[in-house]
Amino acid sequence: MAIRFEKRKQALASVGEFSRRMVWFGVFGLLFILLSLSLGAIGYHYLAHLAWIDAYYNASMILTGMGPVVVLTTDSAKVFATIYSIYSGVAFLTSVGVMFAPLIHRLFHRLHIDID
């Protein structure tokens, strides 16, 4: 099912349609965060030899931009952490952008701002 936003000349979407969009985009954004968090935890578990809880904790701190919790000792873990932190910076901001896209679109549509 493709979710399409209304065009500039079309009427504003109903509150029900807007709510459905917010839920769908929110679910998609949260699933993307969960996937990113899981990839990080798997990497930290296998490459840094952290326990699962510590791996998820470290991955979540990196994903949200808070910084690492555990000092890494192996080169492979450090390379993974470097790649994961670069990925995380983009992934988290992208997922937040996706979750807020319907809200921003509705605001622009309500104000009749032409974003082209």
PDB file of N, CA and C in Angstrom:
ATOM      1  N   MET A   1       0.837  -1.177   0.000  1.00  0.00           N
ATOM      2  CA  MET A   1       0.000   0.000   0.000  1.00  0.00           C
ATOM      3  C   MET A   1       0.885   1.244   0.000  1.00  0.00           C
ATOM      4  N   ALA A   2       0.753   2.038  -1.005  1.00  0.00           N
ATOM      5  CA  ALA A   2       1.525   3.276  -1.101  1.00  0.00           C
ATOM      6  C   ALA A   2       0.760   4.389  -0.393  1.00  0.00           C
ATOM      7  N   ILE A   3       1.462   5.114   0.452  1.00  0.00           N
ATOM      8  CA  ILE A   3       0.855   6.254   1.132  1.00  0.00           C
ATOM      9  C   ILE A   3       1.274   7.493   0.375  1.00  0.00           C
ATOM     10  N   ARG A   4       0.288   8.200  -0.138  1.00  0.00           N
ATOM     11  CA  ARG A   4       0.567   9.392  -0.922  1.00  0.00           C
ATOM     12  C   ARG A   4       0.037  10.613  -0.191  1.00  0.00           C
ATOM     13  N   PHE A   5       0.812  11.661  -0.245  1.00  0.00           N
ATOM     14  CA  PHE A   5       0.381  12.923   0.332  1.00  0.00           C
ATOM     15  C   PHE A   5      -0.477  13.663  -0.679  1.00  0.00           C
ATOM     16  N   GLU A   6      -1.381  14.495  -0.169  1.00  0.00           N
ATOM     17  CA  GLU A   6      -2.217  15.285  -1.062  1.00  0.00           C
ATOM     18  C   GLU A   6      -1.378  16.386  -1.716  1.00  0.00           C
ATOM     19  N   LYS A   7      -1.784  16.753  -2.898  1.00  0.00           N
ATOM     20  CA  LYS A   7      -1.105  17.821  -3.642  1.00  0.00           C
ATOM     21  C   LYS A   7      -1.537  19.178  -3.102  1.00  0.00           C
ATOM     22  N   ARG A   8      -0.854  20.210  -3.555  1.00  0.00           N
ATOM     23  CA  ARG A   8      -1.101  21.560  -3.045  1.00  0.00           C
ATOM     24  C   ARG A   8      -2.534  22.014  -3.279  1.00  0.00           C
ATOM     25  N   LYS A   9      -3.089  21.697  -4.401  1.00  0.00           N
ATOM     26  CA  LYS A   9      -4.443  22.167  -4.745  1.00  0.00           C
ATOM     27  C   LYS A   9      -5.533  21.282  -4.140  1.00  0.00           C
ATOM     28  N   GLN A  10      -5.165  20.142  -3.578  1.00  0.00           N
ATOM     29  CA  GLN A  10      -6.154  19.252  -2.972  1.00  0.00           C
ATOM     30  C   GLN A  10      -6.471  19.704  -1.548  1.00  0.00           C
ATOM     31  N   ALA A  11      -7.623  19.248  -1.072  1.00  0.00           N
ATOM     32  CA  ALA A  11      -8.048  19.591   0.289  1.00  0.00           C
ATOM     33  C   ALA A  11      -7.138  18.915   1.310  1.00  0.00           C
ATOM     34  N   LEU A  12      -7.091  19.492   2.484  1.00  0.00           N
ATOM     35  CA  LEU A  12      -6.312  18.939   3.587  1.00  0.00           C
ATOM     36  C   LEU A  12      -6.889  17.581   3.965  1.00  0.00           C
ATOM     37  N   ALA A  13      -6.048  16.623   4.241  1.00  0.00           N
ATOM     38  CA  ALA A  13      -6.499  15.284   4.611  1.00  0.00           C
ATOM     39  C   ALA A  13      -7.298  15.345   5.911  1.00  0.00           C
ATOM     40  N   SER A  14      -8.231  14.423   6.047  1.00  0.00           N
ATOM     41  CA  SER A  14      -9.035  14.379   7.269  1.00  0.00           C
ATOM     42  C   SER A  14      -8.161  14.014   8.466  1.00  0.00           C
ATOM     43  N   VAL A  15      -8.680  14.259   9.649  1.00  0.00           N
ATOM     44  CA  VAL A  15      -7.940  13.933  10.865  1.00  0.00           C
ATOM     45  C   VAL A  15      -7.683  12.423  10.935  1.00  0.00           C
ATOM     46  N   GLY A  16      -8.641  11.625  10.512  1.00  0.00           N
ATOM     47  CA  GLY A  16      -8.470  10.170  10.510  1.00  0.00           C
ATOM     48  C   GLY A  16      -7.368   9.728   9.568  1.00  0.00           C
ATOM     49  N   GLU A  17      -7.360  10.286   8.352  1.00  0.00           N
ATOM     50  CA  GLU A  17      -6.315   9.948   7.378  1.00  0.00           C
ATOM     51  C   GLU A  17      -4.956  10.410   7.873  1.00  0.00           C
ATOM     52  N   PHE A  18      -4.893  11.607   8.442  1.00  0.00           N
ATOM     53  CA  PHE A  18      -3.641  12.120   8.999  1.00  0.00           C
ATOM     54  C   PHE A  18      -3.153  11.223  10.144  1.00  0.00           C
ATOM     55  N   SER A  19      -4.050  10.795  10.995  1.00  0.00           N
ATOM     56  CA  SER A  19      -3.676   9.908  12.110  1.00  0.00           C
ATOM     57  C   SER A  19      -3.129   8.580  11.600  1.00  0.00           C
ATOM     58  N   ARG A  20      -3.770   8.017  10.576  1.00  0.00           N
ATOM     59  CA  ARG A  20      -3.273   6.766   9.983  1.00  0.00           C
ATOM     60  C   ARG A  20      -1.875   6.956   9.408  1.00  0.00           C
ATOM     61  N   ARG A  21      -1.646   8.078   8.739  1.00  0.00           N
ATOM     62  CA  ARG A  21      -0.310   8.367   8.199  1.00  0.00           C
ATOM     63  C   ARG A  21       0.725   8.450   9.316  1.00  0.00           C
ATOM     64  N   MET A  22       0.382   9.171  10.377  1.00  0.00           N
ATOM     65  CA  MET A  22       1.319   9.310  11.490  1.00  0.00           C
ATOM     66  C   MET A  22       1.661   7.948  12.076  1.00  0.00           C
ATOM     67  N   VAL A  23       0.659   7.081  12.212  1.00  0.00           N
ATOM     68  CA  VAL A  23       0.907   5.735  12.760  1.00  0.00           C
ATOM     69  C   VAL A  23       1.803   4.944  11.816  1.00  0.00           C
ATOM     70  N   TRP A  24       1.478   4.928  10.514  1.00  0.00           N
ATOM     71  CA  TRP A  24       2.276   4.153   9.558  1.00  0.00           C
ATOM     72  C   TRP A  24       3.720   4.651   9.477  1.00  0.00           C
ATOM     73  N   PHE A  25       3.895   5.942   9.394  1.00  0.00           N
ATOM     74  CA  PHE A  25       5.245   6.493   9.314  1.00  0.00           C
ATOM     75  C   PHE A  25       5.983   6.297  10.631  1.00  0.00           C
ATOM     76  N   GLY A  26       5.270   6.383  11.747  1.00  0.00           N
ATOM     77  CA  GLY A  26       5.879   6.129  13.046  1.00  0.00           C
ATOM     78  C   GLY A  26       6.327   4.687  13.184  1.00  0.00           C
ATOM     79  N   VAL A  27       5.487   3.762  12.757  1.00  0.00           N
ATOM     80  CA  VAL A  27       5.849   2.343  12.812  1.00  0.00           C
ATOM     81  C   VAL A  27       7.057   2.069  11.923  1.00  0.00           C
ATOM     82  N   PHE A  28       7.053   2.628  10.720  1.00  0.00           N
ATOM     83  CA  PHE A  28       8.182   2.423   9.816  1.00  0.00           C
ATOM     84  C   PHE A  28       9.469   2.983  10.414  1.00  0.00           C
ATOM     85  N   GLY A  29       9.398   4.185  10.981  1.00  0.00           N
ATOM     86  CA  GLY A  29      10.573   4.787  11.608  1.00  0.00           C
ATOM     87  C   GLY A  29      11.070   3.976  12.792  1.00  0.00           C
ATOM     88  N   LEU A  30      10.153   3.493  13.620  1.00  0.00           N
ATOM     89  CA  LEU A  30      10.553   2.683  14.780  1.00  0.00           C
ATOM     90  C   LEU A  30      11.138   1.335  14.358  1.00  0.00           C
ATOM     91  N   LEU A  31      10.581   0.743  13.310  1.00  0.00           N
ATOM     92  CA  LEU A  31      11.154  -0.516  12.809  1.00  0.00           C
ATOM     93  C   LEU A  31      12.568  -0.303  12.276  1.00  0.00           C
ATOM     94  N   PHE A  32      12.788   0.828  11.626  1.00  0.00           N
ATOM     95  CA  PHE A  32      14.125   1.141  11.128  1.00  0.00           C
ATOM     96  C   PHE A  32      15.102   1.337  12.289  1.00  0.00           C
ATOM     97  N   ILE A  33      14.657   2.004  13.347  1.00  0.00           N
ATOM     98  CA  ILE A  33      15.495   2.163  14.537  1.00  0.00           C
ATOM     99  C   ILE A  33      15.778   0.810  15.174  1.00  0.00           C
ATOM    100  N   LEU A  34      14.762  -0.033  15.280  1.00  0.00           N
ATOM    101  CA  LEU A  34      14.941  -1.362  15.861  1.00  0.00           C
ATOM    102  C   LEU A  34      15.915  -2.206  15.034  1.00  0.00           C
ATOM    103  N   LEU A  35      15.814  -2.137  13.716  1.00  0.00           N
ATOM    104  CA  LEU A  35      16.747  -2.849  12.842  1.00  0.00           C
ATOM    105  C   LEU A  35      18.167  -2.323  13.041  1.00  0.00           C
ATOM    106  N   SER A  36      18.318  -1.012  13.089  1.00  0.00           N
ATOM    107  CA  SER A  36      19.637  -0.411  13.283  1.00  0.00           C
ATOM    108  C   SER A  36      20.219  -0.788  14.642  1.00  0.00           C
ATOM    109  N   LEU A  37      19.388  -0.773  15.662  1.00  0.00           N
ATOM    110  CA  LEU A  37      19.829  -1.151  17.003  1.00  0.00           C
ATOM    111  C   LEU A  37      20.251  -2.611  17.043  1.00  0.00           C
ATOM    112  N   SER A  38      19.501  -3.469  16.389  1.00  0.00           N
ATOM    113  CA  SER A  38      19.832  -4.897  16.359  1.00  0.00           C
ATOM    114  C   SER A  38      21.139  -5.154  15.615  1.00  0.00           C
ATOM    115  N   LEU A  39      21.341  -4.456  14.496  1.00  0.00           N
ATOM    116  CA  LEU A  39      22.599  -4.616  13.761  1.00  0.00           C
ATOM    117  C   LEU A  39      23.783  -4.202  14.625  1.00  0.00           C
ATOM    118  N   GLY A  40      23.635  -3.104  15.343  1.00  0.00           N
ATOM    119  CA  GLY A  40      24.695  -2.655  16.230  1.00  0.00           C
ATOM    120  C   GLY A  40      24.961  -3.638  17.356  1.00  0.00           C
ATOM    121  N   ALA A  41      23.897  -4.163  17.958  1.00  0.00           N
ATOM    122  CA  ALA A  41      24.057  -5.116  19.059  1.00  0.00           C
ATOM    123  C   ALA A  41      24.723  -6.398  18.588  1.00  0.00           C
ATOM    124  N   ILE A  42      24.350  -6.864  17.413  1.00  0.00           N
ATOM    125  CA  ILE A  42      24.976  -8.078  16.868  1.00  0.00           C
ATOM    126  C   ILE A  42      26.465  -7.839  16.635  1.00  0.00           C
ATOM    127  N   GLY A  43      26.788  -6.692  16.059  1.00  0.00           N
ATOM    128  CA  GLY A  43      28.192  -6.366  15.821  1.00  0.00           C
ATOM    129  C   GLY A  43      28.988  -6.268  17.105  1.00  0.00           C
ATOM    130  N   TYR A  44      28.451  -5.574  18.104  1.00  0.00           N
ATOM    131  CA  TYR A  44      29.162  -5.444  19.373  1.00  0.00           C
ATOM    132  C   TYR A  44      29.261  -6.782  20.113  1.00  0.00           C
ATOM    133  N   HIS A  45      28.230  -7.612  19.976  1.00  0.00           N
ATOM    134  CA  HIS A  45      28.271  -8.915  20.645  1.00  0.00           C
ATOM    135  C   HIS A  45      29.357  -9.813  20.054  1.00  0.00           C
ATOM    136  N   TYR A  46      29.408  -9.886  18.733  1.00  0.00           N
ATOM    137  CA  TYR A  46      30.344 -10.814  18.094  1.00  0.00           C
ATOM    138  C   TYR A  46      31.750 -10.238  17.895  1.00  0.00           C
ATOM    139  N   LEU A  47      31.859  -8.953  17.674  1.00  0.00           N
ATOM    140  CA  LEU A  47      33.182  -8.381  17.408  1.00  0.00           C
ATOM    141  C   LEU A  47      33.864  -7.841  18.664  1.00  0.00           C
ATOM    142  N   ALA A  48      33.084  -7.313  19.600  1.00  0.00           N
ATOM    143  CA  ALA A  48      33.672  -6.781  20.835  1.00  0.00           C
ATOM    144  C   ALA A  48      33.515  -7.759  21.995  1.00  0.00           C
ATOM    145  N   HIS A  49      32.837  -8.871  21.745  1.00  0.00           N
ATOM    146  CA  HIS A  49      32.632  -9.921  22.744  1.00  0.00           C
ATOM    147  C   HIS A  49      31.927  -9.393  23.991  1.00  0.00           C
ATOM    148  N   LEU A  50      30.915  -8.546  23.769  1.00  0.00           N
ATOM    149  CA  LEU A  50      30.114  -8.031  24.873  1.00  0.00           C
ATOM    150  C   LEU A  50      28.921  -8.941  25.108  1.00  0.00           C
ATOM    151  N   ALA A  51      28.431  -8.976  26.338  1.00  0.00           N
ATOM    152  CA  ALA A  51      27.183  -9.682  26.630  1.00  0.00           C
ATOM    153  C   ALA A  51      26.057  -8.989  25.865  1.00  0.00           C
ATOM    154  N   TRP A  52      24.971  -9.715  25.601  1.00  0.00           N
ATOM    155  CA  TRP A  52      23.896  -9.151  24.791  1.00  0.00           C
ATOM    156  C   TRP A  52      23.356  -7.851  25.377  1.00  0.00           C
ATOM    157  N   ILE A  53      23.157  -7.798  26.672  1.00  0.00           N
ATOM    158  CA  ILE A  53      22.603  -6.591  27.285  1.00  0.00           C
ATOM    159  C   ILE A  53      23.564  -5.414  27.137  1.00  0.00           C
ATOM    160  N   ASP A  54      24.856  -5.686  27.297  1.00  0.00           N
ATOM    161  CA  ASP A  54      25.856  -4.632  27.124  1.00  0.00           C
ATOM    162  C   ASP A  54      25.967  -4.205  25.661  1.00  0.00           C
ATOM    163  N   ALA A  55      25.824  -5.166  24.765  1.00  0.00           N
ATOM    164  CA  ALA A  55      25.886  -4.860  23.332  1.00  0.00           C
ATOM    165  C   ALA A  55      24.711  -3.970  22.925  1.00  0.00           C
ATOM    166  N   TYR A  56      23.498  -4.275  23.409  1.00  0.00           N
ATOM    167  CA  TYR A  56      22.342  -3.437  23.102  1.00  0.00           C
ATOM    168  C   TYR A  56      22.482  -2.055  23.740  1.00  0.00           C
ATOM    169  N   TYR A  57      23.001  -2.026  24.964  1.00  0.00           N
ATOM    170  CA  TYR A  57      23.194  -0.748  25.650  1.00  0.00           C
ATOM    171  C   TYR A  57      24.187   0.136  24.891  1.00  0.00           C
ATOM    172  N   ASN A  58      25.312  -0.433  24.497  1.00  0.00           N
ATOM    173  CA  ASN A  58      26.317   0.327  23.756  1.00  0.00           C
ATOM    174  C   ASN A  58      25.769   0.772  22.401  1.00  0.00           C
ATOM    175  N   ALA A  59      25.071  -0.135  21.705  1.00  0.00           N
ATOM    176  CA  ALA A  59      24.501   0.205  20.395  1.00  0.00           C
ATOM    177  C   ALA A  59      23.464   1.318  20.518  1.00  0.00           C
ATOM    178  N   SER A  60      22.641   1.280  21.553  1.00  0.00           N
ATOM    179  CA  SER A  60      21.627   2.320  21.709  1.00  0.00           C
ATOM    180  C   SER A  60      22.255   3.667  22.038  1.00  0.00           C
ATOM    181  N   MET A  61      23.316   3.656  22.821  1.00  0.00           N
ATOM    182  CA  MET A  61      23.987   4.911  23.147  1.00  0.00           C
ATOM    183  C   MET A  61      24.653   5.519  21.908  1.00  0.00           C
ATOM    184  N   ILE A  62      25.242   4.678  21.069  1.00  0.00           N
ATOM    185  CA  ILE A  62      25.849   5.164  19.830  1.00  0.00           C
ATOM    186  C   ILE A  62      24.759   5.643  18.865  1.00  0.00           C
ATOM    187  N   LEU A  63      23.687   4.862  18.749  1.00  0.00           N
ATOM    188  CA  LEU A  63      22.615   5.193  17.802  1.00  0.00           C
ATOM    189  C   LEU A  63      21.977   6.543  18.110  1.00  0.00           C
ATOM    190  N   THR A  64      21.829   6.865  19.362  1.00  0.00           N
ATOM    191  CA  THR A  64      21.189   8.132  19.728  1.00  0.00           C
ATOM    192  C   THR A  64      22.176   9.278  19.884  1.00  0.00           C
ATOM    193  N   GLY A  65      23.453   9.019  19.658  1.00  0.00           N
ATOM    194  CA  GLY A  65      24.449  10.073  19.681  1.00  0.00           C
ATOM    195  C   GLY A  65      25.025  10.378  21.051  1.00  0.00           C
ATOM    196  N   MET A  66      24.784   9.522  22.015  1.00  0.00           N
ATOM    197  CA  MET A  66      25.282   9.772  23.368  1.00  0.00           C
ATOM    198  C   MET A  66      26.756   9.406  23.530  1.00  0.00           C
ATOM    199  N   GLY A  67      27.222   8.473  22.733  1.00  0.00           N
ATOM    200  CA  GLY A  67      28.623   8.074  22.808  1.00  0.00           C
ATOM    201  C   GLY A  67      28.783   6.664  23.351  1.00  0.00           C
ATOM    202  N   PRO A  68      29.969   6.110  23.193  1.00  0.00           N
ATOM    203  CA  PRO A  68      30.203   4.725  23.615  1.00  0.00           C
ATOM    204  C   PRO A  68      30.233   4.595  25.139  1.00  0.00           C
ATOM    205  N   VAL A  69      29.908   3.391  25.600  1.00  0.00           N
ATOM    206  CA  VAL A  69      29.901   3.100  27.022  1.00  0.00           C
ATOM    207  C   VAL A  69      31.092   2.220  27.389  1.00  0.00           C
ATOM    208  N   VAL A  70      31.407   1.282  26.510  1.00  0.00           N
ATOM    209  CA  VAL A  70      32.444   0.290  26.764  1.00  0.00           C
ATOM    210  C   VAL A  70      33.700   0.656  25.980  1.00  0.00           C
ATOM    211  N   VAL A  71      34.860   0.474  26.609  1.00  0.00           N
ATOM    212  CA  VAL A  71      36.136   0.679  25.916  1.00  0.00           C
ATOM    213  C   VAL A  71      36.411  -0.578  25.086  1.00  0.00           C
ATOM    214  N   LEU A  72      36.625  -0.380  23.791  1.00  0.00           N
ATOM    215  CA  LEU A  72      36.857  -1.516  22.886  1.00  0.00           C
ATOM    216  C   LEU A  72      38.344  -1.826  22.834  1.00  0.00           C
ATOM    217  N   THR A  73      38.657  -3.114  22.790  1.00  0.00           N
ATOM    218  CA  THR A  73      40.063  -3.517  22.844  1.00  0.00           C
ATOM    219  C   THR A  73      40.568  -4.126  21.544  1.00  0.00           C
ATOM    220  N   THR A  74      39.690  -4.695  20.725  1.00  0.00           N
ATOM    221  CA  THR A  74      40.159  -5.332  19.493  1.00  0.00           C
ATOM    222  C   THR A  74      40.030  -4.370  18.319  1.00  0.00           C
ATOM    223  N   ASP A  75      40.891  -4.574  17.334  1.00  0.00           N
ATOM    224  CA  ASP A  75      40.859  -3.723  16.142  1.00  0.00           C
ATOM    225  C   ASP A  75      39.564  -3.898  15.362  1.00  0.00           C
ATOM    226  N   SER A  76      39.078  -5.134  15.267  1.00  0.00           N
ATOM    227  CA  SER A  76      37.839  -5.375  14.519  1.00  0.00           C
ATOM    228  C   SER A  76      36.660  -4.676  15.189  1.00  0.00           C
ATOM    229  N   ALA A  77      36.634  -4.657  16.495  1.00  0.00           N
ATOM    230  CA  ALA A  77      35.561  -3.967  17.217  1.00  0.00           C
ATOM    231  C   ALA A  77      35.653  -2.460  16.998  1.00  0.00           C
ATOM    232  N   LYS A  78      36.855  -1.934  16.944  1.00  0.00           N
ATOM    233  CA  LYS A  78      37.031  -0.493  16.729  1.00  0.00           C
ATOM    234  C   LYS A  78      36.620  -0.091  15.318  1.00  0.00           C
ATOM    235  N   VAL A  79      36.945  -0.921  14.343  1.00  0.00           N
ATOM    236  CA  VAL A  79      36.529  -0.643  12.960  1.00  0.00           C
ATOM    237  C   VAL A  79      35.004  -0.707  12.865  1.00  0.00           C
ATOM    238  N   PHE A  80      34.405  -1.731  13.468  1.00  0.00           N
ATOM    239  CA  PHE A  80      32.945  -1.835  13.470  1.00  0.00           C
ATOM    240  C   PHE A  80      32.315  -0.613  14.129  1.00  0.00           C
ATOM    241  N   ALA A  81      32.841  -0.199  15.272  1.00  0.00           N
ATOM    242  CA  ALA A  81      32.298   0.943  16.001  1.00  0.00           C
ATOM    243  C   ALA A  81      32.387   2.218  15.160  1.00  0.00           C
ATOM    244  N   THR A  82      33.458   2.360  14.417  1.00  0.00           N
ATOM    245  CA  THR A  82      33.615   3.528  13.551  1.00  0.00           C
ATOM    246  C   THR A  82      32.545   3.542  12.464  1.00  0.00           C
ATOM    247  N   ILE A  83      32.379   2.416  11.801  1.00  0.00           N
ATOM    248  CA  ILE A  83      31.380   2.319  10.728  1.00  0.00           C
ATOM    249  C   ILE A  83      29.971   2.466  11.290  1.00  0.00           C
ATOM    250  N   TYR A  84      29.715   1.809  12.414  1.00  0.00           N
ATOM    251  CA  TYR A  84      28.379   1.862  13.018  1.00  0.00           C
ATOM    252  C   TYR A  84      28.033   3.274  13.497  1.00  0.00           C
ATOM    253  N   SER A  85      28.996   3.983  14.032  1.00  0.00           N
ATOM    254  CA  SER A  85      28.687   5.332  14.513  1.00  0.00           C
ATOM    255  C   SER A  85      28.416   6.295  13.357  1.00  0.00           C
ATOM    256  N   ILE A  86      29.118   6.140  12.244  1.00  0.00           N
ATOM    257  CA  ILE A  86      28.825   6.967  11.067  1.00  0.00           C
ATOM    258  C   ILE A  86      27.440   6.633  10.527  1.00  0.00           C
ATOM    259  N   TYR A  87      27.147   5.339  10.422  1.00  0.00           N
ATOM    260  CA  TYR A  87      25.826   4.887   9.985  1.00  0.00           C
ATOM    261  C   TYR A  87      24.740   5.400  10.932  1.00  0.00           C
ATOM    262  N   SER A  88      24.993   5.318  12.232  1.00  0.00           N
ATOM    263  CA  SER A  88      23.996   5.705  13.230  1.00  0.00           C
ATOM    264  C   SER A  88      23.631   7.177  13.148  1.00  0.00           C
ATOM    265  N   GLY A  89      24.612   8.013  12.892  1.00  0.00           N
ATOM    266  CA  GLY A  89      24.333   9.440  12.778  1.00  0.00           C
ATOM    267  C   GLY A  89      23.321   9.735  11.695  1.00  0.00           C
ATOM    268  N   VAL A  90      23.433   9.039  10.596  1.00  0.00           N
ATOM    269  CA  VAL A  90      22.502   9.231   9.482  1.00  0.00           C
ATOM    270  C   VAL A  90      21.191   8.492   9.741  1.00  0.00           C
ATOM    271  N   ALA A  91      21.265   7.276  10.241  1.00  0.00           N
ATOM    272  CA  ALA A  91      20.079   6.435  10.412  1.00  0.00           C
ATOM    273  C   ALA A  91      19.088   7.024  11.408  1.00  0.00           C
ATOM    274  N   PHE A  92      19.576   7.486  12.534  1.00  0.00           N
ATOM    275  CA  PHE A  92      18.667   8.010  13.551  1.00  0.00           C
ATOM    276  C   PHE A  92      17.967   9.275  13.067  1.00  0.00           C
ATOM    277  N   LEU A  93      18.724  10.185  12.480  1.00  0.00           N
ATOM    278  CA  LEU A  93      18.117  11.415  11.979  1.00  0.00           C
ATOM    279  C   LEU A  93      17.139  11.135  10.832  1.00  0.00           C
ATOM    280  N   THR A  94      17.461  10.171   9.991  1.00  0.00           N
ATOM    281  CA  THR A  94      16.566   9.799   8.899  1.00  0.00           C
ATOM    282  C   THR A  94      15.267   9.229   9.441  1.00  0.00           C
ATOM    283  N   SER A  95      15.364   8.358  10.432  1.00  0.00           N
ATOM    284  CA  SER A  95      14.150   7.752  10.986  1.00  0.00           C
ATOM    285  C   SER A  95      13.272   8.794  11.671  1.00  0.00           C
ATOM    286  N   VAL A  96      13.877   9.750  12.348  1.00  0.00           N
ATOM    287  CA  VAL A  96      13.094  10.825  12.966  1.00  0.00           C
ATOM    288  C   VAL A  96      12.434  11.678  11.876  1.00  0.00           C
ATOM    289  N   GLY A  97      13.151  11.935  10.799  1.00  0.00           N
ATOM    290  CA  GLY A  97      12.577  12.670   9.679  1.00  0.00           C
ATOM    291  C   GLY A  97      11.394  11.951   9.068  1.00  0.00           C
ATOM    292  N   VAL A  98      11.506  10.649   8.931  1.00  0.00           N
ATOM    293  CA  VAL A  98      10.399   9.847   8.384  1.00  0.00           C
ATOM    294  C   VAL A  98       9.195   9.920   9.319  1.00  0.00           C
ATOM    295  N   MET A  99       9.432   9.809  10.619  1.00  0.00           N
ATOM    296  CA  MET A  99       8.319   9.828  11.574  1.00  0.00           C
ATOM    297  C   MET A  99       7.593  11.174  11.591  1.00  0.00           C
ATOM    298  N   PHE A 100       8.326  12.264  11.351  1.00  0.00           N
ATOM    299  CA  PHE A 100       7.705  13.582  11.375  1.00  0.00           C
ATOM    300  C   PHE A 100       7.257  14.071   9.995  1.00  0.00           C
ATOM    301  N   ALA A 101       7.500  13.319   8.937  1.00  0.00           N
ATOM    302  CA  ALA A 101       7.144  13.750   7.577  1.00  0.00           C
ATOM    303  C   ALA A 101       5.666  14.086   7.419  1.00  0.00           C
ATOM    304  N   PRO A 102       4.737  13.277   7.923  1.00  0.00           N
ATOM    305  CA  PRO A 102       3.325  13.656   7.753  1.00  0.00           C
ATOM    306  C   PRO A 102       2.968  14.956   8.471  1.00  0.00           C
ATOM    307  N   LEU A 103       3.563  15.178   9.630  1.00  0.00           N
ATOM    308  CA  LEU A 103       3.289  16.394  10.391  1.00  0.00           C
ATOM    309  C   LEU A 103       3.821  17.635   9.659  1.00  0.00           C
ATOM    310  N   ILE A 104       5.035  17.546   9.154  1.00  0.00           N
ATOM    311  CA  ILE A 104       5.624  18.667   8.415  1.00  0.00           C
ATOM    312  C   ILE A 104       4.839  18.922   7.125  1.00  0.00           C
ATOM    313  N   HIS A 105       4.456  17.842   6.432  1.00  0.00           N
ATOM    314  CA  HIS A 105       3.675  18.004   5.204  1.00  0.00           C
ATOM    315  C   HIS A 105       2.341  18.677   5.497  1.00  0.00           C
ATOM    316  N   ARG A 106       1.700  18.258   6.568  1.00  0.00           N
ATOM    317  CA  ARG A 106       0.407  18.862   6.918  1.00  0.00           C
ATOM    318  C   ARG A 106       0.575  20.351   7.236  1.00  0.00           C
ATOM    319  N   LEU A 107       1.636  20.686   7.956  1.00  0.00           N
ATOM    320  CA  LEU A 107       1.896  22.092   8.271  1.00  0.00           C
ATOM    321  C   LEU A 107       2.115  22.892   6.986  1.00  0.00           C
ATOM    322  N   PHE A 108       2.968  22.391   6.090  1.00  0.00           N
ATOM    323  CA  PHE A 108       3.203  23.090   4.820  1.00  0.00           C
ATOM    324  C   PHE A 108       1.918  23.193   3.998  1.00  0.00           C
ATOM    325  N   HIS A 109       1.146  22.105   3.993  1.00  0.00           N
ATOM    326  CA  HIS A 109      -0.088  22.110   3.213  1.00  0.00           C
ATOM    327  C   HIS A 109      -1.082  23.115   3.795  1.00  0.00           C
ATOM    328  N   ARG A 110      -1.159  23.154   5.104  1.00  0.00           N
ATOM    329  CA  ARG A 110      -2.085  24.091   5.759  1.00  0.00           C
ATOM    330  C   ARG A 110      -1.682  25.535   5.472  1.00  0.00           C
ATOM    331  N   LEU A 111      -0.399  25.808   5.464  1.00  0.00           N
ATOM    332  CA  LEU A 111       0.098  27.162   5.218  1.00  0.00           C
ATOM    333  C   LEU A 111       0.232  27.484   3.732  1.00  0.00           C
ATOM    334  N   HIS A 112      -0.015  26.486   2.881  1.00  0.00           N
ATOM    335  CA  HIS A 112       0.121  26.629   1.430  1.00  0.00           C
ATOM    336  C   HIS A 112       1.517  27.081   1.024  1.00  0.00           C
ATOM    337  N   ILE A 113       2.522  26.472   1.628  1.00  0.00           N
ATOM    338  CA  ILE A 113       3.894  26.782   1.279  1.00  0.00           C
ATOM    339  C   ILE A 113       4.294  25.888   0.118  1.00  0.00           C
ATOM    340  N   ASP A 114       4.776  26.498  -0.928  1.00  0.00           N
ATOM    341  CA  ASP A 114       5.272  25.745  -2.069  1.00  0.00           C
ATOM    342  C   ASP A 114       6.738  25.439  -1.813  1.00  0.00           C
ATOM    343  N   ILE A 115       7.070  24.162  -1.596  1.00  0.00           N
ATOM    344  CA  ILE A 115       8.444  23.802  -1.241  1.00  0.00           C
ATOM    345  C   ILE A 115       9.308  23.512  -2.467  1.00  0.00           C
ATOM    346  N   ASP A 116       8.788  23.725  -3.656  1.00  0.00           N
ATOM    347  CA  ASP A 116       9.604  23.501  -4.867  1.00  0.00           C
ATOM    348  C   ASP A 116      10.528  24.643  -5.126  1.00  0.00           C
TER     349      ASP A 116
END
